[in-house]
PDB file of all heavy atoms in Angstrom:
ATOM      1  N   ALA A   1     -64.780-181.154  75.013  1.00  0.00           N
ATOM      2  CA  ALA A   1     -65.943-180.263  75.324  1.00  0.00           C
ATOM      3  C   ALA A   1     -66.792-180.066  74.057  1.00  0.00           C
ATOM      4  O   ALA A   1     -68.001-179.957  74.051  1.00  0.00           O
ATOM      5  CB  ALA A   1     -65.342-178.989  75.851  1.00  0.00           C
ATOM      6  N   LYS A   2     -66.083-179.841  72.950  1.00  0.00           N
ATOM      7  CA  LYS A   2     -66.714-179.671  71.588  1.00  0.00           C
ATOM      8  C   LYS A   2     -67.625-180.807  71.303  1.00  0.00           C
ATOM      9  O   LYS A   2     -68.741-180.728  70.810  1.00  0.00           O
ATOM     10  CB  LYS A   2     -65.721-179.291  70.573  1.00  0.00           C
ATOM     11  CG  LYS A   2     -66.384-179.085  69.147  1.00  0.00           C
ATOM     12  CD  LYS A   2     -65.212-178.673  68.186  1.00  0.00           C
ATOM     13  CE  LYS A   2     -65.822-178.243  66.778  1.00  0.00           C
ATOM     14  NZ  LYS A   2     -64.819-177.993  65.870  1.00  0.00           N
ATOM     15  N   ILE A   3     -67.099-182.100  71.484  1.00  0.00           N
ATOM     16  CA  ILE A   3     -67.753-183.268  71.169  1.00  0.00           C
ATOM     17  C   ILE A   3     -68.985-183.477  71.971  1.00  0.00           C
ATOM     18  O   ILE A   3     -70.135-183.750  71.356  1.00  0.00           O
ATOM     19  CB  ILE A   3     -66.831-184.537  71.408  1.00  0.00           C
ATOM     20  CG1 ILE A   3     -65.715-184.650  70.233  1.00  0.00           C
ATOM     21  CG2 ILE A   3     -67.538-185.827  71.527  1.00  0.00           C
ATOM     22  CD1 ILE A   3     -64.656-185.611  70.558  1.00  0.00           C
ATOM     23  N   PHE A   4     -68.824-183.168  73.278  1.00  0.00           N
ATOM     24  CA  PHE A   4     -70.080-183.378  74.089  1.00  0.00           C
ATOM     25  C   PHE A   4     -71.114-182.332  73.963  1.00  0.00           C
ATOM     26  O   PHE A   4     -72.350-182.546  74.050  1.00  0.00           O
ATOM     27  CB  PHE A   4     -69.538-183.671  75.673  1.00  0.00           C
ATOM     28  CG  PHE A   4     -68.946-184.867  75.839  1.00  0.00           C
ATOM     29  CD1 PHE A   4     -67.555-185.059  76.038  1.00  0.00           C
ATOM     30  CD2 PHE A   4     -69.589-186.088  75.691  1.00  0.00           C
ATOM     31  CE1 PHE A   4     -66.903-186.156  76.216  1.00  0.00           C
ATOM     32  CE2 PHE A   4     -68.983-187.361  75.992  1.00  0.00           C
ATOM     33  CZ  PHE A   4     -67.584-187.383  76.120  1.00  0.00           C
ATOM     34  N   ASP A   5     -70.656-181.093  73.609  1.00  0.00           N
ATOM     35  CA  ASP A   5     -71.602-180.095  73.261  1.00  0.00           C
ATOM     36  C   ASP A   5     -72.426-180.457  72.067  1.00  0.00           C
ATOM     37  O   ASP A   5     -73.629-180.210  71.912  1.00  0.00           O
ATOM     38  CB  ASP A   5     -70.935-178.670  73.141  1.00  0.00           C
ATOM     39  CG  ASP A   5     -70.713-177.958  74.426  1.00  0.00           C
ATOM     40  OD1 ASP A   5     -71.375-178.361  75.482  1.00  0.00           O
ATOM     41  OD2 ASP A   5     -69.829-177.112  74.470  1.00  0.00           O
ATOM     42  N   HIS A   6     -71.684-180.974  71.080  1.00  0.00           N
ATOM     43  CA  HIS A   6     -72.313-181.355  69.853  1.00  0.00           C
ATOM     44  C   HIS A   6     -73.367-182.615  70.157  1.00  0.00           C
ATOM     45  O   HIS A   6     -74.423-182.446  69.606  1.00  0.00           O
ATOM     46  CB  HIS A   6     -71.222-181.846  68.868  1.00  0.00           C
ATOM     47  CG  HIS A   6     -71.820-182.214  67.494  1.00  0.00           C
ATOM     48  ND1 HIS A   6     -72.251-181.219  66.549  1.00  0.00           N
ATOM     49  CD2 HIS A   6     -72.122-183.419  66.955  1.00  0.00           C
ATOM     50  CE1 HIS A   6     -72.600-181.730  65.520  1.00  0.00           C
ATOM     51  NE2 HIS A   6     -72.578-183.181  65.636  1.00  0.00           N
ATOM     52  N   ILE A   7     -72.950-183.435  70.890  1.00  0.00           N
ATOM     53  CA  ILE A   7     -73.821-184.617  71.222  1.00  0.00           C
ATOM     54  C   ILE A   7     -75.099-184.119  71.999  1.00  0.00           C
ATOM     55  O   ILE A   7     -76.270-184.490  71.614  1.00  0.00           O
ATOM     56  CB  ILE A   7     -73.131-185.614  72.113  1.00  0.00           C
ATOM     57  CG1 ILE A   7     -71.974-186.363  71.353  1.00  0.00           C
ATOM     58  CG2 ILE A   7     -74.190-186.702  72.578  1.00  0.00           C
ATOM     59  CD1 ILE A   7     -71.137-187.281  71.975  1.00  0.00           C
ATOM     60  N   GLU A   8     -74.849-183.173  72.933  1.00  0.00           N
ATOM     61  CA  GLU A   8     -75.909-182.572  73.672  1.00  0.00           C
ATOM     62  C   GLU A   8     -76.991-181.890  72.801  1.00  0.00           C
ATOM     63  O   GLU A   8     -78.177-181.937  73.108  1.00  0.00           O
ATOM     64  CB  GLU A   8     -75.397-181.677  74.775  1.00  0.00           C
ATOM     65  CG  GLU A   8     -76.386-181.088  75.760  1.00  0.00           C
ATOM     66  CD  GLU A   8     -77.047-182.195  76.562  1.00  0.00           C
ATOM     67  OE1 GLU A   8     -76.405-183.273  76.839  1.00  0.00           O
ATOM     68  OE2 GLU A   8     -78.194-182.083  76.763  1.00  0.00           O
ATOM     69  N   HIS A   9     -76.569-181.295  71.783  1.00  0.00           N
ATOM     70  CA  HIS A   9     -77.458-180.489  70.941  1.00  0.00           C
ATOM     71  C   HIS A   9     -77.979-181.283  69.698  1.00  0.00           C
ATOM     72  O   HIS A   9     -78.941-180.951  69.065  1.00  0.00           O
ATOM     73  CB  HIS A   9     -76.669-179.212  70.352  1.00  0.00           C
ATOM     74  CG  HIS A   9     -76.498-178.182  71.411  1.00  0.00           C
ATOM     75  ND1 HIS A   9     -75.418-178.128  72.180  1.00  0.00           N
ATOM     76  CD2 HIS A   9     -77.353-177.239  71.943  1.00  0.00           C
ATOM     77  CE1 HIS A   9     -75.498-177.136  73.039  1.00  0.00           C
ATOM     78  NE2 HIS A   9     -76.610-176.577  72.913  1.00  0.00           N
ATOM     79  N   HIS A  10     -77.380-182.506  69.507  1.00  0.00           N
ATOM     80  CA  HIS A  10     -77.839-183.231  68.232  1.00  0.00           C
ATOM     81  C   HIS A  10     -78.022-184.704  68.607  1.00  0.00           C
ATOM     82  O   HIS A  10     -78.069-185.538  67.584  1.00  0.00           O
ATOM     83  CB  HIS A  10     -76.690-183.067  67.255  1.00  0.00           C
ATOM     84  CG  HIS A  10     -76.429-181.636  66.756  1.00  0.00           C
ATOM     85  ND1 HIS A  10     -77.179-180.998  65.914  1.00  0.00           N
ATOM     86  CD2 HIS A  10     -75.449-180.851  67.125  1.00  0.00           C
ATOM     87  CE1 HIS A  10     -76.636-179.704  65.594  1.00  0.00           C
ATOM     88  NE2 HIS A  10     -75.659-179.616  66.466  1.00  0.00           N
ATOM     89  N   PHE A  11     -78.315-185.090  69.785  1.00  0.00           N
ATOM     90  CA  PHE A  11     -78.370-186.562  70.119  1.00  0.00           C
ATOM     91  C   PHE A  11     -79.667-187.162  69.511  1.00  0.00           C
ATOM     92  O   PHE A  11     -79.677-188.411  69.361  1.00  0.00           O
ATOM     93  CB  PHE A  11     -78.403-186.752  71.587  1.00  0.00           C
ATOM     94  CG  PHE A  11     -79.415-186.107  72.444  1.00  0.00           C
ATOM     95  CD1 PHE A  11     -80.750-186.756  72.539  1.00  0.00           C
ATOM     96  CD2 PHE A  11     -79.318-184.964  73.165  1.00  0.00           C
ATOM     97  CE1 PHE A  11     -81.680-186.176  73.217  1.00  0.00           C
ATOM     98  CE2 PHE A  11     -80.277-184.386  73.866  1.00  0.00           C
ATOM     99  CZ  PHE A  11     -81.487-184.867  73.885  1.00  0.00           C
ATOM    100  N   ALA A  12     -80.690-186.227  69.177  1.00  0.00           N
ATOM    101  CA  ALA A  12     -81.836-186.847  68.658  1.00  0.00           C
ATOM    102  C   ALA A  12     -81.692-187.147  67.091  1.00  0.00           C
ATOM    103  O   ALA A  12     -82.602-187.493  66.487  1.00  0.00           O
ATOM    104  CB  ALA A  12     -82.994-185.875  68.794  1.00  0.00           C
ATOM    105  N   GLU A  13     -80.609-186.605  66.597  1.00  0.00           N
ATOM    106  CA  GLU A  13     -80.301-186.792  65.146  1.00  0.00           C
ATOM    107  C   GLU A  13     -79.584-188.167  64.918  1.00  0.00           C
ATOM    108  O   GLU A  13     -79.182-188.826  65.751  1.00  0.00           O
ATOM    109  CB  GLU A  13     -79.540-185.604  64.597  1.00  0.00           C
ATOM    110  CG  GLU A  13     -80.304-184.278  64.757  1.00  0.00           C
ATOM    111  CD  GLU A  13     -79.416-183.042  64.398  1.00  0.00           C
ATOM    112  OE1 GLU A  13     -78.400-183.288  63.790  1.00  0.00           O
ATOM    113  OE2 GLU A  13     -79.652-182.064  64.834  1.00  0.00           O
ATOM    114  N   SER A  14     -79.293-188.428  63.534  1.00  0.00           N
ATOM    115  CA  SER A  14     -78.670-189.632  63.163  1.00  0.00           C
ATOM    116  C   SER A  14     -77.250-189.513  63.245  1.00  0.00           C
ATOM    117  O   SER A  14     -76.493-189.356  62.281  1.00  0.00           O
ATOM    118  CB  SER A  14     -79.180-190.109  61.911  1.00  0.00           C
ATOM    119  OG  SER A  14     -78.521-191.354  61.519  1.00  0.00           O
ATOM    120  N   LEU A  15     -76.667-189.483  64.528  1.00  0.00           N
ATOM    121  CA  LEU A  15     -75.197-189.264  64.685  1.00  0.00           C
ATOM    122  C   LEU A  15     -74.448-190.503  64.549  1.00  0.00           C
ATOM    123  O   LEU A  15     -74.884-191.553  64.880  1.00  0.00           O
ATOM    124  CB  LEU A  15     -74.908-188.753  66.065  1.00  0.00           C
ATOM    125  CG  LEU A  15     -75.462-187.388  66.389  1.00  0.00           C
ATOM    126  CD1 LEU A  15     -75.035-187.045  67.881  1.00  0.00           C
ATOM    127  CD2 LEU A  15     -74.822-186.313  65.515  1.00  0.00           C
ATOM    128  N   SER A  16     -73.288-190.508  63.872  1.00  0.00           N
ATOM    129  CA  SER A  16     -72.417-191.696  63.673  1.00  0.00           C
ATOM    130  C   SER A  16     -71.080-191.417  64.339  1.00  0.00           C
ATOM    131  O   SER A  16     -70.633-190.214  64.524  1.00  0.00           O
ATOM    132  CB  SER A  16     -72.200-191.984  62.223  1.00  0.00           C
ATOM    133  OG  SER A  16     -71.408-190.923  61.556  1.00  0.00           O
ATOM    134  N   LEU A  17     -70.448-192.477  64.769  1.00  0.00           N
ATOM    135  CA  LEU A  17     -69.192-192.322  65.471  1.00  0.00           C
ATOM    136  C   LEU A  17     -68.175-191.628  64.442  1.00  0.00           C
ATOM    137  O   LEU A  17     -67.428-190.778  64.962  1.00  0.00           O
ATOM    138  CB  LEU A  17     -68.626-193.837  65.792  1.00  0.00           C
ATOM    139  CG  LEU A  17     -67.288-193.915  66.557  1.00  0.00           C
ATOM    140  CD1 LEU A  17     -67.339-195.075  67.393  1.00  0.00           C
ATOM    141  CD2 LEU A  17     -66.012-193.964  65.635  1.00  0.00           C
ATOM    142  N   GLU A  18     -68.218-192.011  63.158  1.00  0.00           N
ATOM    143  CA  GLU A  18     -67.135-191.314  62.277  1.00  0.00           C
ATOM    144  C   GLU A  18     -67.518-189.896  62.162  1.00  0.00           C
ATOM    145  O   GLU A  18     -66.570-189.089  62.109  1.00  0.00           O
ATOM    146  CB  GLU A  18     -67.434-192.098  60.881  1.00  0.00           C
ATOM    147  CG  GLU A  18     -66.918-193.529  60.838  1.00  0.00           C
ATOM    148  CD  GLU A  18     -67.975-194.451  61.383  1.00  0.00           C
ATOM    149  OE1 GLU A  18     -68.992-194.027  61.715  1.00  0.00           O
ATOM    150  OE2 GLU A  18     -67.608-195.641  61.519  1.00  0.00           O
ATOM    151  N   GLU A  19     -68.800-189.478  62.114  1.00  0.00           N
ATOM    152  CA  GLU A  19     -69.048-188.014  62.024  1.00  0.00           C
ATOM    153  C   GLU A  19     -68.537-187.209  63.149  1.00  0.00           C
ATOM    154  O   GLU A  19     -67.870-186.227  63.053  1.00  0.00           O
ATOM    155  CB  GLU A  19     -70.609-187.965  61.930  1.00  0.00           C
ATOM    156  CG  GLU A  19     -71.029-186.474  61.886  1.00  0.00           C
ATOM    157  CD  GLU A  19     -72.551-186.454  62.068  1.00  0.00           C
ATOM    158  OE1 GLU A  19     -73.290-187.502  61.871  1.00  0.00           O
ATOM    159  OE2 GLU A  19     -73.162-185.266  62.523  1.00  0.00           O
ATOM    160  N   VAL A  20     -68.826-187.789  64.478  1.00  0.00           N
ATOM    161  CA  VAL A  20     -68.315-187.081  65.529  1.00  0.00           C
ATOM    162  C   VAL A  20     -66.856-186.999  65.758  1.00  0.00           C
ATOM    163  O   VAL A  20     -66.292-186.062  66.178  1.00  0.00           O
ATOM    164  CB  VAL A  20     -69.088-187.630  66.808  1.00  0.00           C
ATOM    165  CG1 VAL A  20     -68.547-186.925  68.077  1.00  0.00           C
ATOM    166  CG2 VAL A  20     -70.627-187.497  66.711  1.00  0.00           C
ATOM    167  N   ALA A  21     -66.256-188.165  65.334  1.00  0.00           N
ATOM    168  CA  ALA A  21     -64.778-188.227  65.508  1.00  0.00           C
ATOM    169  C   ALA A  21     -64.177-187.194  64.536  1.00  0.00           C
ATOM    170  O   ALA A  21     -63.177-186.470  64.837  1.00  0.00           O
ATOM    171  CB  ALA A  21     -64.245-189.640  65.085  1.00  0.00           C
ATOM    172  N   GLU A  22     -64.719-187.128  63.375  1.00  0.00           N
ATOM    173  CA  GLU A  22     -64.170-186.072  62.342  1.00  0.00           C
ATOM    174  C   GLU A  22     -64.338-184.669  62.811  1.00  0.00           C
ATOM    175  O   GLU A  22     -63.577-183.804  62.554  1.00  0.00           O
ATOM    176  CB  GLU A  22     -64.903-186.314  60.964  1.00  0.00           C
ATOM    177  CG  GLU A  22     -64.425-185.368  59.852  1.00  0.00           C
ATOM    178  CD  GLU A  22     -65.090-185.738  58.526  1.00  0.00           C
ATOM    179  OE1 GLU A  22     -65.941-186.634  58.470  1.00  0.00           O
ATOM    180  OE2 GLU A  22     -64.884-184.928  57.575  1.00  0.00           O
ATOM    181  N   LEU A  23     -65.422-184.390  63.547  1.00  0.00           N
ATOM    182  CA  LEU A  23     -65.712-183.129  64.016  1.00  0.00           C
ATOM    183  C   LEU A  23     -64.525-182.612  64.902  1.00  0.00           C
ATOM    184  O   LEU A  23     -64.210-181.461  64.926  1.00  0.00           O
ATOM    185  CB  LEU A  23     -67.007-183.053  64.863  1.00  0.00           C
ATOM    186  CG  LEU A  23     -67.446-181.840  65.590  1.00  0.00           C
ATOM    187  CD1 LEU A  23     -67.901-180.835  64.562  1.00  0.00           C
ATOM    188  CD2 LEU A  23     -68.634-182.020  66.603  1.00  0.00           C
ATOM    189  N   ALA A  24     -64.046-183.630  65.705  1.00  0.00           N
ATOM    190  CA  ALA A  24     -62.744-183.182  66.542  1.00  0.00           C
ATOM    191  C   ALA A  24     -61.479-183.358  65.891  1.00  0.00           C
ATOM    192  O   ALA A  24     -60.561-183.149  66.453  1.00  0.00           O
ATOM    193  CB  ALA A  24     -62.972-183.953  67.826  1.00  0.00           C
ATOM    194  N   GLY A  25     -61.437-183.828  64.678  1.00  0.00           N
ATOM    195  CA  GLY A  25     -60.225-184.102  63.982  1.00  0.00           C
ATOM    196  C   GLY A  25     -59.519-185.402  64.437  1.00  0.00           C
ATOM    197  O   GLY A  25     -58.339-185.563  64.364  1.00  0.00           O
TER     198      GLY A  25
END
């Protein structure tokens, strides 16, 4: 849920797989 909320609010930014994976540990 944390991951998808983050994507929903930041999908227009330069997101990387490594960054989002680290967010969730």
